[in-house]
Amino acid sequence: MFKPSRILTGLGLVVAAAGTASGVHAFAASGGTTPPPADPRDQAVFAWVGHGVVVGQWRDVVQHGLHRYQARVAGVGIVQVDARSNEVDEVVFEGNLGTRAGQRVAEATALGTASALAKQHYTGFELLDLRHTSRVDHGLISELRFEWQARRQDAWLPSRVTVGVNEATGQVFSYWSEREAVKAATVPQVRVDQARAAAVHLSGIANPDVTGPFLEVVSLADGSQRLVWITEVTQLFNGGVHIPNHQVLWTDAQTGSTEVAART
């Protein structure tokens, strides 16, 4: 299941980084006279973007139980760094959010641009599989989104990288990644048909359209992981008054317990 960007919540909308500010840090572009930055977060940004000055303050952000830092980089946008590894795991290129009327890049061209950036910045990218390709309408602009994810046999793993390309200009405007060690078992004890039946039954939808199940190691807010079968169940329209009902259900791949993870 695709996870939305931790920073982008809509076209050009950046989540205010709640938390504790930790000072202002600045460094010169490559080739300047200022010595390399001492702060490892600045060093990570310097290595990633190759230029620019970190503006304002680093802010501590805790998301999904993980600690990160966010700052604004002149000429780039919002940059986020993983507090554990000092790896840049999200960048929003604010200058690439523009539009060009009537113009669209080909999906293959956008994929080439996205994969080149991901390969450059995500160590171990060659070990990931392209899992999702989608077009996301943000209203003023549309995004071609590509997600690569780690996999072990049938199980999708938490490590992934996602790149968003502006469909009108062909420019990358968002990059985000996750890198997590696998702590859960990846071999299920519950069969796929059992998981599907349990999900459909719990949903209570009588005329369902079912997607999945697919097997995935999911990370929880407390830092633990679970191997689950993920099934999406949607109420099909059968005439008359239609009340939309779409559910995402998790079936524990070891115990068979099933729960509704999301409902729209």
Protein backbone atom coordinates (compact mmCIF):
# COMPACT_ATOMS: atom_id res chain seq x y z
CA MET A 1 0.00 0.00 0.00
CA PHE A 2 1.41 3.36 -0.98
CA LYS A 3 2.18 5.71 1.90
CA PRO A 4 1.66 9.42 1.26
CA SER A 5 4.60 11.80 1.41
CA ARG A 6 5.53 12.77 4.95
CA ILE A 7 5.86 16.43 3.92
CA LEU A 8 3.55 16.97 0.96
CA THR A 9 -0.14 16.89 1.82
CA GLY A 10 -1.33 18.49 -1.41
CA LEU A 11 -0.03 20.70 -4.15
CA GLY A 12 2.70 22.89 -2.69
CA LEU A 13 1.39 22.46 0.85
CA VAL A 14 4.17 21.76 3.33
CA VAL A 15 3.40 20.47 6.80
CA ALA A 16 4.75 22.79 9.46
CA ALA A 17 7.46 20.92 11.30
CA ALA A 18 6.32 20.69 14.89
CA GLY A 19 8.97 20.19 17.50
CA THR A 20 12.04 21.72 18.97
CA ALA A 21 14.26 24.00 16.92
CA SER A 22 17.93 23.15 17.09
CA GLY A 23 19.72 26.15 15.67
CA VAL A 24 20.57 27.85 12.40
CA HIS A 25 23.20 26.27 10.19
CA ALA A 26 24.68 27.65 7.00
CA PHE A 27 27.31 26.46 4.57
CA ALA A 28 28.74 27.69 1.30
CA ALA A 29 28.32 26.09 -2.08
CA SER A 30 30.93 23.65 -3.29
CA GLY A 31 34.08 25.54 -4.17
CA GLY A 32 33.40 28.35 -1.69
CA THR A 33 35.71 29.50 1.06
CA THR A 34 33.55 28.38 3.99
CA PRO A 35 34.81 25.07 5.46
CA PRO A 36 32.58 22.00 5.25
CA PRO A 37 29.74 22.01 7.79
CA ALA A 38 30.38 20.29 11.11
CA ASP A 39 26.78 19.34 11.75
CA PRO A 40 26.17 15.86 10.22
CA ARG A 41 22.68 16.94 9.10
CA ASP A 42 24.22 19.78 7.11
CA GLN A 43 26.82 17.41 5.72
CA ALA A 44 24.04 15.10 4.52
CA VAL A 45 22.23 17.95 2.79
CA PHE A 46 25.47 19.26 1.28
CA ALA A 47 26.22 15.80 -0.18
CA TRP A 48 22.68 15.40 -1.50
CA VAL A 49 22.01 18.75 -3.19
CA GLY A 50 25.61 19.78 -3.85
CA HIS A 51 24.91 23.46 -3.18
CA GLY A 52 22.75 25.86 -1.22
CA VAL A 53 22.40 27.17 2.29
CA VAL A 54 20.27 25.68 5.03
CA VAL A 55 17.92 28.49 6.02
CA GLY A 56 16.21 28.84 9.38
CA GLN A 57 16.33 26.12 11.99
CA TRP A 58 16.46 22.38 12.09
CA ARG A 59 13.29 21.10 13.72
CA ASP A 60 12.76 17.81 15.47
CA VAL A 61 9.84 15.82 14.08
CA VAL A 62 8.49 12.49 15.32
CA GLN A 63 6.43 10.64 12.71
CA HIS A 64 5.17 7.09 12.98
CA GLY A 65 7.41 6.59 16.00
CA LEU A 66 10.54 7.65 14.09
CA HIS A 67 12.66 10.72 14.80
CA ARG A 68 13.58 13.04 11.93
CA TYR A 69 14.79 16.59 11.30
CA GLN A 70 13.41 19.12 8.81
CA ALA A 71 14.89 22.35 7.45
CA ARG A 72 14.45 24.64 4.47
CA VAL A 73 17.29 24.74 1.93
CA ALA A 74 17.66 27.84 -0.22
CA GLY A 75 17.06 27.11 -3.87
CA VAL A 76 15.64 23.66 -3.14
CA GLY A 77 12.81 23.54 -0.61
CA ILE A 78 12.06 21.41 2.42
CA VAL A 79 14.60 18.70 3.22
CA GLN A 80 14.22 15.99 5.84
CA VAL A 81 16.96 13.90 7.47
CA ASP A 82 16.59 10.61 9.36
CA ALA A 83 17.86 11.15 12.91
CA ARG A 84 19.20 7.60 13.19
CA SER A 85 21.34 7.54 10.06
CA ASN A 86 21.57 11.20 8.95
CA GLU A 87 20.32 10.03 5.56
CA VAL A 88 18.27 12.52 3.55
CA ASP A 89 14.95 10.74 3.24
CA GLU A 90 12.68 13.43 1.83
CA VAL A 91 13.07 16.45 -0.43
CA VAL A 92 10.39 18.76 -1.81
CA PHE A 93 11.67 20.74 -4.80
CA GLU A 94 9.43 23.77 -4.47
CA GLY A 95 10.70 25.35 -7.68
CA ASN A 96 9.43 22.40 -9.70
CA LEU A 97 5.76 22.78 -8.80
CA GLY A 98 4.93 24.96 -11.82
CA THR A 99 2.59 24.18 -14.69
CA ARG A 100 2.68 24.38 -18.48
CA ALA A 101 -0.70 24.51 -20.15
CA GLY A 102 -1.46 21.63 -22.48
CA GLN A 103 1.85 19.84 -22.00
CA ARG A 104 2.46 16.35 -20.66
CA VAL A 105 5.57 14.23 -20.58
CA ALA A 106 5.41 10.58 -21.54
CA GLU A 107 5.27 8.13 -18.67
CA ALA A 108 8.39 6.34 -19.92
CA THR A 109 10.30 9.63 -19.92
CA ALA A 110 9.14 10.45 -16.39
CA LEU A 111 10.10 6.95 -15.23
CA GLY A 112 13.61 7.43 -16.61
CA THR A 113 13.97 10.75 -14.79
CA ALA A 114 12.63 9.32 -11.53
CA SER A 115 14.75 6.17 -11.59
CA ALA A 116 17.91 8.16 -12.35
CA LEU A 117 17.37 10.34 -9.27
CA ALA A 118 16.49 7.39 -7.05
CA LYS A 119 19.52 5.43 -8.21
CA GLN A 120 21.77 8.40 -7.49
CA HIS A 121 20.55 8.96 -3.94
CA TYR A 122 19.21 5.67 -2.56
CA THR A 123 21.97 3.20 -1.74
CA GLY A 124 20.82 -0.28 -2.71
CA PHE A 125 18.29 0.98 -5.25
CA GLU A 126 19.18 -1.89 -7.59
CA LEU A 127 17.76 -4.31 -4.99
CA LEU A 128 14.29 -2.74 -5.12
CA ASP A 129 11.42 -3.65 -7.44
CA LEU A 130 9.15 -1.14 -9.16
CA ARG A 131 5.85 -1.72 -7.37
CA HIS A 132 3.52 1.18 -8.16
CA THR A 133 3.11 3.58 -11.06
CA SER A 134 0.26 6.05 -10.76
CA ARG A 135 -1.01 9.42 -11.88
CA VAL A 136 -2.09 11.70 -9.03
CA ASP A 137 -4.20 14.78 -9.72
CA HIS A 138 -3.32 17.61 -7.31
CA GLY A 139 -5.67 20.06 -8.99
CA LEU A 140 -3.27 22.66 -10.38
CA ILE A 141 -0.70 20.06 -11.41
CA SER A 142 -0.67 16.32 -11.96
CA GLU A 143 2.02 13.96 -10.71
CA LEU A 144 3.46 10.81 -12.20
CA ARG A 145 4.45 8.83 -9.10
CA PHE A 146 6.81 5.87 -9.06
CA GLU A 147 7.48 3.67 -6.05
CA TRP A 148 10.19 1.03 -5.71
CA GLN A 149 10.13 -1.33 -2.75
CA ALA A 150 12.20 -4.12 -1.25
CA ARG A 151 10.83 -7.65 -1.45
CA ARG A 152 11.70 -11.02 0.04
CA GLN A 153 10.00 -13.88 -1.79
CA ASP A 154 6.28 -12.98 -1.65
CA ALA A 155 6.55 -10.38 1.11
CA TRP A 156 6.96 -6.66 0.47
CA LEU A 157 9.33 -5.04 3.00
CA PRO A 158 9.35 -1.58 4.62
CA SER A 159 12.33 -0.18 2.69
CA ARG A 160 11.23 1.85 -0.33
CA VAL A 161 11.79 4.99 -2.36
CA THR A 162 9.14 7.10 -4.10
CA VAL A 163 9.68 9.85 -6.66
CA GLY A 164 7.05 12.27 -7.93
CA VAL A 165 7.47 13.87 -11.37
CA ASN A 166 5.58 16.95 -12.52
CA GLU A 167 3.66 15.63 -15.51
CA ALA A 168 3.59 19.04 -17.21
CA THR A 169 7.31 19.82 -16.98
CA GLY A 170 9.00 16.45 -16.48
CA GLN A 171 10.81 17.76 -13.38
CA VAL A 172 11.09 15.85 -10.13
CA PHE A 173 9.27 17.71 -7.37
CA SER A 174 9.30 15.15 -4.55
CA TYR A 175 11.51 12.37 -3.27
CA TRP A 176 10.97 10.33 -0.15
CA SER A 177 12.35 7.09 1.15
CA GLU A 178 12.31 4.65 4.02
CA ARG A 179 15.05 2.30 5.07
CA GLU A 180 14.21 -0.18 7.82
CA ALA A 181 15.70 -3.49 8.89
CA VAL A 182 13.25 -6.37 8.77
CA LYS A 183 12.42 -7.64 12.26
CA ALA A 184 9.32 -9.68 11.51
CA ALA A 185 9.03 -13.13 9.97
CA THR A 186 8.39 -13.04 6.22
CA VAL A 187 6.91 -16.53 5.73
CA PRO A 188 3.14 -16.64 6.36
CA GLN A 189 1.31 -19.33 8.30
CA VAL A 190 -2.05 -18.16 6.95
CA ARG A 191 -2.86 -18.94 3.32
CA VAL A 192 -3.84 -16.21 0.86
CA ASP A 193 -7.32 -17.69 0.31
CA GLN A 194 -7.92 -17.77 4.07
CA ALA A 195 -6.88 -14.12 4.36
CA ARG A 196 -9.15 -13.11 1.49
CA ALA A 197 -12.17 -14.90 2.96
CA ALA A 198 -11.56 -13.40 6.40
CA ALA A 199 -11.26 -9.87 4.98
CA VAL A 200 -14.43 -10.10 2.88
CA HIS A 201 -16.35 -11.54 5.82
CA LEU A 202 -15.24 -8.83 8.25
CA SER A 203 -15.95 -6.05 5.75
CA GLY A 204 -19.62 -6.98 5.68
CA ILE A 205 -19.83 -5.91 2.03
CA ALA A 206 -22.30 -8.14 0.19
CA ASN A 207 -21.34 -7.25 -3.39
CA PRO A 208 -17.58 -6.75 -3.11
CA ASP A 209 -14.81 -5.89 -5.52
CA VAL A 210 -11.69 -7.39 -3.96
CA THR A 211 -8.07 -6.38 -4.56
CA GLY A 212 -5.38 -8.61 -3.09
CA PRO A 213 -4.51 -9.91 -0.65
CA PHE A 214 -0.82 -9.11 -0.91
CA LEU A 215 1.77 -9.87 1.73
CA GLU A 216 3.67 -7.06 3.44
CA VAL A 217 5.79 -6.37 6.52
CA VAL A 218 4.26 -3.24 8.03
CA SER A 219 5.90 -0.97 10.61
CA LEU A 220 3.79 0.14 13.56
CA ALA A 221 3.92 3.35 15.60
CA ASP A 222 5.59 1.60 18.55
CA GLY A 223 8.51 0.48 16.35
CA SER A 224 7.39 -3.12 16.01
CA GLN A 225 6.58 -4.88 12.75
CA ARG A 226 3.91 -7.32 11.61
CA LEU A 227 3.59 -9.57 8.60
CA VAL A 228 0.08 -9.04 7.25
CA TRP A 229 -2.07 -9.88 4.29
CA ILE A 230 -3.53 -6.60 2.97
CA THR A 231 -6.89 -6.80 1.21
CA GLU A 232 -8.93 -3.94 -0.25
CA VAL A 233 -12.68 -4.47 -0.42
CA THR A 234 -14.99 -2.03 -2.23
CA GLN A 235 -18.75 -1.96 -2.54
CA LEU A 236 -19.74 -2.35 -6.18
CA PHE A 237 -22.42 -0.05 -7.56
CA ASN A 238 -25.56 -2.05 -8.31
CA GLY A 239 -28.06 0.70 -9.10
CA GLY A 240 -30.16 2.95 -6.94
CA VAL A 241 -28.68 4.98 -4.11
CA HIS A 242 -25.00 4.19 -3.77
CA ILE A 243 -23.15 4.75 -0.50
CA PRO A 244 -19.40 4.39 -1.15
CA ASN A 245 -17.72 1.82 1.05
CA HIS A 246 -14.03 1.04 0.64
CA GLN A 247 -12.08 -0.80 3.30
CA VAL A 248 -8.46 -1.81 3.72
CA LEU A 249 -8.16 -4.86 5.93
CA TRP A 250 -5.15 -6.48 7.54
CA THR A 251 -5.01 -10.17 8.28
CA ASP A 252 -2.14 -11.20 10.55
CA ALA A 253 -0.20 -13.71 8.46
CA GLN A 254 0.80 -15.70 11.55
CA THR A 255 -2.40 -15.77 13.63
CA GLY A 256 -5.17 -15.07 11.11
CA SER A 257 -6.68 -12.23 13.17
CA THR A 258 -8.25 -9.63 10.87
CA GLU A 259 -8.92 -5.93 11.39
CA VAL A 260 -10.03 -2.90 9.40
CA ALA A 261 -6.94 -0.72 8.88
CA ALA A 262 -8.69 2.05 6.93
CA ARG A 263 -12.21 2.89 5.82
CA THR A 264 -13.40 5.48 3.26
